Structures are given as C-alpha cells and as structure tokens.
Amino acid sequence: MSEDFLQVMAHHSRERAEQAKRDVPPSTLQEIAQELPAPPALKLSAEGFDLIAELKIRSPAAGQLGAANEDVAARVQRYAQAGAAAISVLTEPTRFDGSLAHLRIATRSLTASGVPAMRKDFLVDPYQVLEARVAGASGVLVILRMLHLDEINALLDAAKHLGLFALIEAFDERDLERAHAIVDARYAIEPTIPTLLPSRDNLLVGINCRDLVTLKVVPGRLEQLAHLLPARVPRVAESGVATAEDARRIASVGYDLALVGSALMTGDDPVALVQDMLAAGRGAHRDHSIQG
C-alpha cells in the first residue's frame, strides 16, 4: 500500500462521493439520519483489552479472503457472539470487494446484540460519514497519511456531530505526531480522560504496522511505536495480530484493542480465535496491572 496507492484510493473515493451526492443529495441524507435512532455505543471492557473484528472479503496484500457470496450477517453475528467489542466492515469496492450494502446488512444483523459496526474505507468527504450513519454504523476510519489537516478535522467533526466514534489510523512516527496534535486540540479543555473508556469525542488512535511499499507486516513495529501513542484515548493495534500470542504481546505493551481481519476471515474457527485472543490480551493486561 504505497503512498501513491493511498492517493489513488483517495481519488476513487472522491469520485464515489461525488456520484453518491448526485444520486442522493446531502440534505436528503441528513433528513434520513435525523430520523434514525442513536447507533449502538462503543463499550470497552473493564478487563482492559478488546477486539474489533473485521469483515474483509479481499485484500490487496493477501488476496481473496472471503467468498463472493459471503454470508455477511452470519459472520458478523459470530464475531459479536464471541465477544468482539465492534465489527469493522470494509466498504471499498475496487480493491476490497466491499460495499455499503455489506455495512447495512451487518448493522441490521447486529441490532439484537448491540455491538457497533465501523465503516472502514478511504474516506475523504464528510458526506461519506453521513452515509455510514444512515447505513447504521457507529464509527468510521480516518487515515491520517492520506488527508490534509482540514480534511481530517472535517471528517472528525462530522463523526462527532452524528454521534459516531472515529478510529484515527497512523503508520509511523510522523503520523503519530499529527495524531497527538489532533487529540490535544480536541481535548484542550478536558485534559484527563478515564482509562480504557472512549472520550467525549469518541476518538481512538491506531497504528497500522504494514509497510506502505511492500504491504507486508513489519515485525516489531507495533511494539516500537506503542509508547508514542496518545495516552488520552484508547490505543488500537491494526494488522499483524493473528494469534492469541500476538494479542498477549500487544496488550503487554499498552494496546487497548486489536483490529483483526485476515486471520478471522481465513481461520477455521473465528469464534474460538476471538475468544482466545481476548483471553490472552486480558490476561496480559491483568499481569501488567499487578506488576505496575
């Protein structure tokens, strides 16, 4: 996923947003959103470690992960029943085979459980946050490397206005400096946030440990950058978490959540994997708390 790739994806995303606006004007979408009940809130466990389980049909890095006729409802329900705090749904169509239809199916099927869903895409326009809200989502992904600061703030403001959480994604030290500035600016009036609870803006900050050129996971990067994450918001490990041992490892260095996609999509028993990861991560958190 080179930076050129990110810019290509941003370009396609802008085209999708403009076409969507022509199909359904923002004012119409806003009227629909205003009539909807509040989306499920993101609730993190007091045990100190949680999972965002991902529905991802295809990946540029790993190829085909799920079936073209994937039973979206059944899969996300299994994730929720296993204990996932949230479900991430890819909606990008050209490289990930995702769609807003998948998000709508997921949010409807999660209604009974109250588990929130997050739209994962290359978002560039607040209209797309509104689309996520109308599709039933409780959160969105915001990729720092791909956007100017005014674009980032426009997406975060839209999410806050609509009652959604936002996962801010960083790749390296430079991104994390921007993340700190954003978090500090948004919490200048409220300097302390309860540990492991979403803040009043419902911000999370994550590190994607894939190399932006090779697409490969960089061993050790999650640990190397963990101390640079903002302490005021929940910290998320993205990519590189495939086993219970991986979950234990990242929880031991301070991550509050892991976003897991490929391992769950390709594993024989995703329910057991979610449960094993949660047990390992929470065990590491308890051990760290006792030692501290």
Protein backbone atom coordinates (compact mmCIF):
# COMPACT_ATOMS: atom_id res chain seq x y z
CA MET A 1 0.00 0.00 0.00
CA SER A 2 2.33 2.74 -1.19
CA GLU A 3 1.50 6.37 -0.60
CA ASP A 4 0.74 6.52 -4.32
CA PHE A 5 -1.74 3.71 -3.71
CA LEU A 6 -3.34 5.72 -0.92
CA GLN A 7 -3.69 8.70 -3.23
CA VAL A 8 -5.23 6.54 -5.95
CA MET A 9 -7.69 5.20 -3.41
CA ALA A 10 -8.44 8.74 -2.25
CA HIS A 11 -9.12 9.76 -5.85
CA HIS A 12 -11.52 6.85 -6.36
CA SER A 13 -13.16 7.66 -3.03
CA ARG A 14 -13.78 11.27 -4.09
CA GLU A 15 -15.33 10.04 -7.32
CA ARG A 16 -17.61 7.71 -5.37
CA ALA A 17 -18.59 10.50 -3.01
CA GLU A 18 -19.43 12.89 -5.84
CA GLN A 19 -21.52 10.27 -7.62
CA ALA A 20 -23.32 9.43 -4.39
CA LYS A 21 -24.13 13.11 -3.85
CA ARG A 22 -25.65 13.26 -7.32
CA ASP A 23 -27.75 10.20 -6.54
CA VAL A 24 -28.81 11.31 -3.05
CA PRO A 25 -28.18 14.98 -2.12
CA PRO A 26 -26.58 15.62 1.29
CA SER A 27 -29.73 17.37 2.53
CA THR A 28 -31.80 14.28 1.81
CA LEU A 29 -29.30 12.02 3.56
CA GLN A 30 -29.23 14.39 6.53
CA GLU A 31 -33.01 14.24 6.82
CA ILE A 32 -32.86 10.45 6.87
CA ALA A 33 -30.13 10.48 9.53
CA GLN A 34 -32.13 12.78 11.78
CA GLU A 35 -34.97 10.25 11.91
CA LEU A 36 -32.77 7.33 12.92
CA PRO A 37 -32.32 6.10 16.48
CA ALA A 38 -28.89 6.60 18.02
CA PRO A 39 -26.38 3.98 16.88
CA PRO A 40 -25.01 1.47 19.41
CA ALA A 41 -22.22 2.95 21.50
CA LEU A 42 -18.72 1.52 21.58
CA LYS A 43 -18.29 -0.03 25.03
CA LEU A 44 -14.87 -1.20 26.09
CA SER A 45 -14.36 -3.88 28.68
CA ALA A 46 -13.13 -3.14 32.18
CA GLU A 47 -10.84 -6.15 31.70
CA GLY A 48 -8.53 -3.96 29.68
CA PHE A 49 -8.41 -5.45 26.19
CA ASP A 50 -10.91 -5.69 23.34
CA LEU A 51 -11.18 -6.77 19.74
CA ILE A 52 -12.54 -5.07 16.64
CA ALA A 53 -13.32 -8.00 14.34
CA GLU A 54 -13.30 -7.27 10.64
CA LEU A 55 -15.35 -8.34 7.65
CA LYS A 56 -12.96 -8.15 4.70
CA ILE A 57 -13.72 -10.07 1.50
CA ARG A 58 -10.47 -9.24 -0.28
CA SER A 59 -7.17 -7.52 0.47
CA PRO A 60 -4.52 -6.11 -1.89
CA ALA A 61 -1.94 -7.65 0.44
CA ALA A 62 -3.42 -11.10 0.96
CA GLY A 63 -5.79 -11.59 -1.99
CA GLN A 64 -9.17 -13.24 -1.65
CA LEU A 65 -10.17 -13.76 1.98
CA GLY A 66 -13.90 -14.45 1.86
CA ALA A 67 -16.41 -15.86 -0.56
CA ALA A 68 -18.02 -13.64 -3.20
CA ASN A 69 -21.36 -14.69 -1.72
CA GLU A 70 -20.18 -14.32 1.88
CA ASP A 71 -22.96 -14.59 4.45
CA VAL A 72 -22.27 -11.21 6.00
CA ALA A 73 -24.98 -11.43 8.63
CA ALA A 74 -23.90 -14.83 9.89
CA ARG A 75 -20.22 -13.88 10.06
CA VAL A 76 -20.65 -10.63 11.99
CA GLN A 77 -23.10 -12.29 14.37
CA ARG A 78 -20.48 -14.93 15.15
CA TYR A 79 -17.93 -12.21 15.82
CA ALA A 80 -20.34 -10.44 18.16
CA GLN A 81 -21.31 -13.62 19.99
CA ALA A 82 -17.63 -14.41 20.52
CA GLY A 83 -17.17 -11.14 22.39
CA ALA A 84 -15.92 -8.59 19.84
CA ALA A 85 -16.44 -5.02 21.04
CA ALA A 86 -17.08 -3.78 17.49
CA ILE A 87 -17.22 -5.01 13.92
CA SER A 88 -15.22 -3.35 11.15
CA VAL A 89 -16.80 -3.59 7.69
CA LEU A 90 -14.83 -2.82 4.53
CA THR A 91 -16.95 -0.80 2.13
CA GLU A 92 -14.31 -0.03 -0.54
CA PRO A 93 -15.41 -1.77 -3.77
CA THR A 94 -12.45 -1.76 -6.17
CA ARG A 95 -9.65 -3.41 -4.17
CA PHE A 96 -11.50 -4.91 -1.20
CA ASP A 97 -14.78 -6.10 -2.76
CA GLY A 98 -16.67 -4.16 -0.09
CA SER A 99 -19.89 -2.17 -0.25
CA LEU A 100 -22.28 -0.09 1.80
CA ALA A 101 -24.71 -2.97 1.34
CA HIS A 102 -22.41 -5.12 3.47
CA LEU A 103 -22.45 -2.42 6.16
CA ARG A 104 -26.24 -2.21 6.10
CA ILE A 105 -26.56 -5.98 6.40
CA ALA A 106 -24.04 -6.04 9.24
CA THR A 107 -25.67 -3.29 11.27
CA ARG A 108 -29.14 -4.83 10.90
CA SER A 109 -27.88 -8.23 11.98
CA LEU A 110 -26.10 -6.75 15.00
CA THR A 111 -29.17 -4.92 16.31
CA ALA A 112 -30.08 -7.56 18.86
CA SER A 113 -26.57 -7.81 20.27
CA GLY A 114 -26.00 -4.05 20.48
CA VAL A 115 -22.48 -4.44 19.09
CA PRO A 116 -21.48 -1.40 16.99
CA ALA A 117 -20.14 -1.52 13.44
CA MET A 118 -17.47 0.72 11.93
CA ARG A 119 -17.19 1.77 8.29
CA LYS A 120 -13.66 1.06 7.09
CA ASP A 121 -12.87 2.84 3.86
CA PHE A 122 -10.69 5.55 2.36
CA LEU A 123 -12.95 8.36 3.50
CA VAL A 124 -12.31 11.85 2.15
CA ASP A 125 -15.64 13.66 2.45
CA PRO A 126 -17.99 14.26 5.43
CA TYR A 127 -20.79 13.03 3.16
CA GLN A 128 -19.29 9.55 3.50
CA VAL A 129 -19.53 9.78 7.28
CA LEU A 130 -23.19 10.63 6.80
CA GLU A 131 -23.53 7.60 4.52
CA ALA A 132 -22.06 5.45 7.29
CA ARG A 133 -24.54 6.84 9.82
CA VAL A 134 -27.51 6.18 7.52
CA ALA A 135 -26.23 2.64 6.95
CA GLY A 136 -26.37 2.10 10.72
CA ALA A 137 -22.68 2.44 11.57
CA SER A 138 -21.42 3.65 14.93
CA GLY A 139 -17.93 4.58 13.77
CA VAL A 140 -15.60 5.36 10.88
CA LEU A 141 -11.91 5.02 10.00
CA VAL A 142 -9.88 8.16 9.26
CA ILE A 143 -6.46 7.64 7.61
CA LEU A 144 -4.04 10.39 8.60
CA ARG A 145 -1.45 9.80 5.88
CA MET A 146 -3.99 10.31 3.12
CA LEU A 147 -5.52 13.63 4.18
CA HIS A 148 -4.77 17.27 4.89
CA LEU A 149 -5.48 18.52 8.40
CA ASP A 150 -8.62 20.42 7.37
CA GLU A 151 -9.96 17.24 5.73
CA ILE A 152 -9.22 15.20 8.84
CA ASN A 153 -10.99 17.70 11.07
CA ALA A 154 -13.98 17.86 8.73
CA LEU A 155 -14.38 14.07 8.99
CA LEU A 156 -13.92 14.08 12.77
CA ASP A 157 -16.37 16.95 13.20
CA ALA A 158 -18.94 15.10 11.10
CA ALA A 159 -18.47 11.95 13.17
CA LYS A 160 -18.85 13.87 16.43
CA HIS A 161 -21.97 15.66 15.16
CA LEU A 162 -23.54 12.34 14.15
CA GLY A 163 -22.60 10.56 17.37
CA LEU A 164 -20.02 8.24 15.80
CA PHE A 165 -16.63 7.17 17.08
CA ALA A 166 -13.59 7.64 14.85
CA LEU A 167 -10.51 5.45 14.63
CA ILE A 168 -7.58 7.63 13.54
CA GLU A 169 -5.04 5.47 11.71
CA ALA A 170 -1.30 6.15 11.81
CA PHE A 171 1.57 4.36 10.08
CA ASP A 172 4.69 5.90 11.61
CA GLU A 173 6.20 8.50 13.91
CA ARG A 174 5.21 11.37 11.62
CA ASP A 175 1.58 10.29 11.63
CA LEU A 176 1.65 9.89 15.40
CA GLU A 177 2.88 13.45 15.82
CA ARG A 178 -0.19 14.58 13.87
CA ALA A 179 -2.39 12.30 15.97
CA HIS A 180 -1.06 13.88 19.18
CA ALA A 181 -1.75 17.37 17.86
CA ILE A 182 -5.29 16.43 16.88
CA VAL A 183 -6.06 14.76 20.20
CA ASP A 184 -4.51 17.60 22.19
CA ALA A 185 -6.50 20.20 20.26
CA ARG A 186 -9.76 18.36 20.75
CA TYR A 187 -9.22 17.76 24.48
CA ALA A 188 -7.58 21.05 25.41
CA ILE A 189 -10.50 21.82 27.73
CA GLU A 190 -10.70 18.30 29.15
CA PRO A 191 -7.14 17.14 29.88
CA THR A 192 -7.92 13.85 31.60
CA ILE A 193 -9.93 11.00 30.09
CA PRO A 194 -10.87 7.86 32.10
CA THR A 195 -8.62 4.95 31.22
CA LEU A 196 -9.99 2.48 28.66
CA LEU A 197 -13.15 4.46 28.04
CA PRO A 198 -13.95 6.27 24.79
CA SER A 199 -13.53 10.01 25.20
CA ARG A 200 -16.28 12.55 24.73
CA ASP A 201 -15.35 12.83 21.06
CA ASN A 202 -15.15 9.03 20.85
CA LEU A 203 -11.68 9.08 19.35
CA LEU A 204 -9.37 6.10 19.11
CA VAL A 205 -5.86 6.13 17.66
CA GLY A 206 -4.37 3.09 15.95
CA ILE A 207 -1.11 2.01 14.35
CA ASN A 208 -1.24 0.06 11.10
CA CYS A 209 2.04 -1.84 11.06
CA ARG A 210 2.10 -2.65 7.35
CA ASP A 211 4.94 -1.29 5.27
CA LEU A 212 3.49 1.25 2.84
CA VAL A 213 5.54 -0.07 -0.08
CA THR A 214 5.70 -3.85 0.32
CA LEU A 215 2.31 -4.30 2.05
CA LYS A 216 3.99 -6.71 4.44
CA VAL A 217 3.59 -6.54 8.21
CA VAL A 218 6.72 -5.11 9.81
CA PRO A 219 7.71 -7.30 12.80
CA GLY A 220 8.14 -5.33 15.99
CA ARG A 221 6.67 -2.06 14.70
CA LEU A 222 3.64 -2.21 16.98
CA GLU A 223 5.94 -2.53 19.99
CA GLN A 224 8.39 0.11 18.73
CA LEU A 225 5.70 2.75 18.30
CA ALA A 226 3.44 1.89 21.24
CA HIS A 227 4.99 4.46 23.58
CA LEU A 228 4.30 7.23 21.03
CA LEU A 229 0.54 6.75 21.03
CA PRO A 230 -1.59 9.40 22.77
CA ALA A 231 -2.44 8.27 26.28
CA ARG A 232 -5.78 10.10 26.44
CA VAL A 233 -7.62 7.80 24.04
CA PRO A 234 -7.88 4.04 23.50
CA ARG A 235 -4.94 2.64 21.53
CA VAL A 236 -5.51 0.17 18.70
CA ALA A 237 -3.11 -2.31 17.05
CA GLU A 238 -4.02 -2.71 13.39
CA SER A 239 -2.59 -5.51 11.24
CA GLY A 240 -0.05 -8.05 12.44
CA VAL A 241 -2.33 -9.61 15.06
CA ALA A 242 -3.17 -13.16 14.02
CA THR A 243 -2.87 -15.33 17.13
CA ALA A 244 -3.61 -15.32 20.84
CA GLU A 245 0.12 -14.86 21.45
CA ASP A 246 0.06 -11.75 19.26
CA ALA A 247 -2.80 -10.39 21.35
CA ARG A 248 -0.90 -11.09 24.56
CA ARG A 249 2.19 -9.40 23.15
CA ILE A 250 0.50 -6.15 22.13
CA ALA A 251 -1.62 -5.93 25.28
CA SER A 252 1.55 -6.23 27.34
CA VAL A 253 2.95 -3.05 25.74
CA GLY A 254 -0.18 -0.99 26.29
CA TYR A 255 -2.64 -1.52 23.43
CA ASP A 256 -6.28 -1.46 24.50
CA LEU A 257 -7.70 -3.05 21.34
CA ALA A 258 -6.65 -5.02 18.29
CA LEU A 259 -8.31 -4.79 14.89
CA VAL A 260 -8.20 -8.27 13.35
CA GLY A 261 -9.33 -9.09 9.83
CA SER A 262 -7.38 -11.58 7.71
CA ALA A 263 -6.81 -14.11 10.49
CA LEU A 264 -10.53 -14.23 11.28
CA MET A 265 -11.58 -14.36 7.63
CA THR A 266 -9.27 -17.28 6.80
CA GLY A 267 -9.29 -19.18 10.11
CA ASP A 268 -11.21 -22.41 10.56
CA ASP A 269 -12.87 -21.26 13.80
CA PRO A 270 -13.13 -17.46 14.08
CA VAL A 271 -15.25 -17.67 17.23
CA ALA A 272 -12.56 -19.62 19.07
CA LEU A 273 -9.87 -17.25 17.78
CA VAL A 274 -11.73 -14.17 19.04
CA GLN A 275 -12.19 -15.79 22.43
CA ASP A 276 -8.58 -16.94 22.65
CA MET A 277 -7.28 -13.50 21.69
CA LEU A 278 -9.48 -11.80 24.26
CA ALA A 279 -8.41 -14.20 27.00
CA ALA A 280 -4.72 -13.75 26.16
CA GLY A 281 -4.92 -9.97 25.86
CA ARG A 282 -6.87 -9.56 29.07
CA GLY A 283 -4.52 -11.90 30.90
CA ALA A 284 -1.56 -9.79 29.80
CA HIS A 285 -3.36 -6.64 30.91
CA ARG A 286 -4.01 -8.14 34.37
CA ASP A 287 -0.38 -9.20 34.69
CA HIS A 288 0.79 -5.73 33.66
CA SER A 289 -1.56 -4.09 36.17
CA ILE A 290 -0.32 -6.33 39.00
CA GLN A 291 3.30 -5.64 38.16
CA GLY A 292 2.60 -1.93 37.93
